Amino acid sequence: MAVKPQVVVPVLNELTSSHDDSLFSSKSFISIAAGVTLKTMESNLPSNTKSVIRVMPNTPCTVGESATAFALGTKSSITDKDLCEKLFLAVGKVKEVPEKLIDAVTGKKKI
């Protein structure tokens, strides 16, 4: 999910209404929408969604020097964590943090 935070919920609603739930059961859902909590995303996706991960890279990712923080959702597994780390290691450093610390990275209020 890489949209403006204020349109995350409408986009999730459109995605879930236009796709069969089986699509979500096999996919990890990764969001870089600043300020949008795991709870907001998980509650607006089908209950069988495989995994939700909240990620906050910073702008140096465009030159491979990012410091990316991420938090795992309630259904995320070690495999999901490894995938997220692998994806974001391609643009810099990666660190898992408790979600309550993500806002310190983003500088945004929760939605």
Foldseek 3Di string as FASTA:
>chain_A
DEDALVCPLVVLQVVQVVDDLVVQLVDEAEDQHPQEDLVNNCVSHDVNRQWYKYKHWDDQLVVLAIEMEMETHPRDDVVNVVVVQVVSNSRHHYYYDHPVCVCVVRVDHHD
